[in-house]
Amino acid sequence: MLHRTVAPMTTDSDPDRPASWPHLLSVALGAPAADLHRHLAGALRSRACTGTLRESGRWARGRRVPWDPLAAGLRALGARCDCEALELLSRDCSC
């Protein structure tokens, strides 16, 4: 007999809408989200984006944040590089 799994209910009428994703990232990272935002903003003011998550990785290593899950999460949210990660964080950051 096959059992079908039912997705849990949510209070968000549209949980897949893009505006929800930055909030999810902020909740997952907590206070470090604002720190990552500040780091990326400063780094990208002084040099151009390299098209990679290099500065995000540098930030993660310096704070002992596990890089693989963070990189996978940023990419899943559409951030393929540091400037896209900064844009993503800027949407819901109260920095």
Protein backbone atom coordinates (compact mmCIF):
# COMPACT_ATOMS: atom_id res chain seq x y z
CA MET A 1 0.00 0.00 0.00
CA LEU A 2 1.36 3.42 -0.94
CA HIS A 3 1.06 6.34 1.42
CA ARG A 4 1.02 9.85 0.11
CA THR A 5 2.89 12.53 2.00
CA VAL A 6 1.02 15.77 2.47
CA ALA A 7 2.94 19.02 2.66
CA PRO A 8 2.50 20.93 5.92
CA MET A 9 0.22 23.96 5.93
CA THR A 10 1.73 27.40 5.98
CA THR A 11 0.35 30.79 6.93
CA ASP A 12 2.03 32.39 3.91
CA SER A 13 -0.46 32.43 1.05
CA ASP A 14 2.41 32.13 -1.45
CA PRO A 15 5.47 30.55 0.23
CA ASP A 16 7.38 30.43 -3.07
CA ARG A 17 7.24 34.13 -3.80
CA PRO A 18 10.72 35.64 -4.15
CA ALA A 19 10.21 38.22 -1.38
CA SER A 20 10.07 35.39 1.17
CA TRP A 21 13.53 34.03 0.34
CA PRO A 22 15.68 36.86 1.73
CA HIS A 23 13.69 36.68 4.95
CA LEU A 24 14.35 32.94 5.11
CA LEU A 25 18.09 33.55 4.68
CA SER A 26 18.07 36.16 7.44
CA VAL A 27 16.22 33.79 9.76
CA ALA A 28 18.61 30.93 8.95
CA LEU A 29 21.75 33.01 9.49
CA GLY A 30 20.37 35.23 12.24
CA ALA A 31 22.59 38.16 13.21
CA PRO A 32 25.41 37.00 10.89
CA ALA A 33 23.22 37.94 7.89
CA ALA A 34 23.74 41.63 8.69
CA ASP A 35 27.47 40.99 9.16
CA LEU A 36 27.69 39.23 5.77
CA HIS A 37 25.77 42.13 4.22
CA ARG A 38 28.25 44.66 5.65
CA HIS A 39 31.23 42.57 4.56
CA LEU A 40 29.99 42.21 0.99
CA ALA A 41 29.00 45.87 0.73
CA GLY A 42 32.47 46.95 1.86
CA ALA A 43 34.30 44.46 -0.34
CA LEU A 44 32.29 45.35 -3.43
CA ARG A 45 32.82 49.08 -2.85
CA SER A 46 36.57 48.60 -3.07
CA ARG A 47 36.71 46.08 -5.94
CA ALA A 48 34.46 44.69 -8.65
CA CYS A 49 32.56 41.45 -8.29
CA THR A 50 34.54 38.50 -9.66
CA GLY A 51 31.43 36.59 -10.70
CA THR A 52 32.01 34.14 -7.85
CA LEU A 53 31.13 33.84 -4.17
CA ARG A 54 34.77 34.52 -3.22
CA GLU A 55 34.07 37.28 -0.68
CA SER A 56 31.17 35.33 0.82
CA GLY A 57 33.55 32.39 1.27
CA ARG A 58 36.19 34.63 2.81
CA TRP A 59 33.57 35.95 5.25
CA ALA A 60 32.42 32.41 6.13
CA ARG A 61 35.95 31.12 6.76
CA GLY A 62 36.75 34.06 9.00
CA ARG A 63 33.71 33.38 11.16
CA ARG A 64 33.78 29.58 10.99
CA VAL A 65 30.42 29.46 9.22
CA PRO A 66 30.14 26.13 7.35
CA TRP A 67 30.78 27.10 3.74
CA ASP A 68 29.15 24.27 1.79
CA PRO A 69 25.65 24.74 3.27
CA LEU A 70 25.91 28.54 3.00
CA ALA A 71 27.08 28.41 -0.63
CA ALA A 72 24.38 25.90 -1.52
CA GLY A 73 21.74 28.06 0.17
CA LEU A 74 22.89 31.24 -1.58
CA ARG A 75 22.91 29.48 -4.95
CA ALA A 76 19.48 27.95 -4.30
CA LEU A 77 18.19 31.47 -3.65
CA GLY A 78 19.64 32.68 -6.95
CA ALA A 79 22.93 34.21 -5.81
CA ARG A 80 25.69 32.96 -8.11
CA CYS A 81 28.17 35.66 -7.12
CA ASP A 82 28.89 38.15 -4.35
CA CYS A 83 26.96 41.04 -5.92
CA GLU A 84 23.88 38.82 -6.28
CA ALA A 85 24.32 37.65 -2.67
CA LEU A 86 24.49 41.30 -1.57
CA GLU A 87 21.34 42.10 -3.54
CA LEU A 88 19.58 39.12 -1.97
CA LEU A 89 20.59 40.16 1.54
CA SER A 90 19.65 43.79 0.88
CA ARG A 91 16.03 42.87 0.22
CA ASP A 92 15.35 42.00 3.85
CA CYS A 93 18.30 43.36 5.81
CA SER A 94 17.75 45.93 8.52
CA CYS A 95 21.45 46.84 8.49
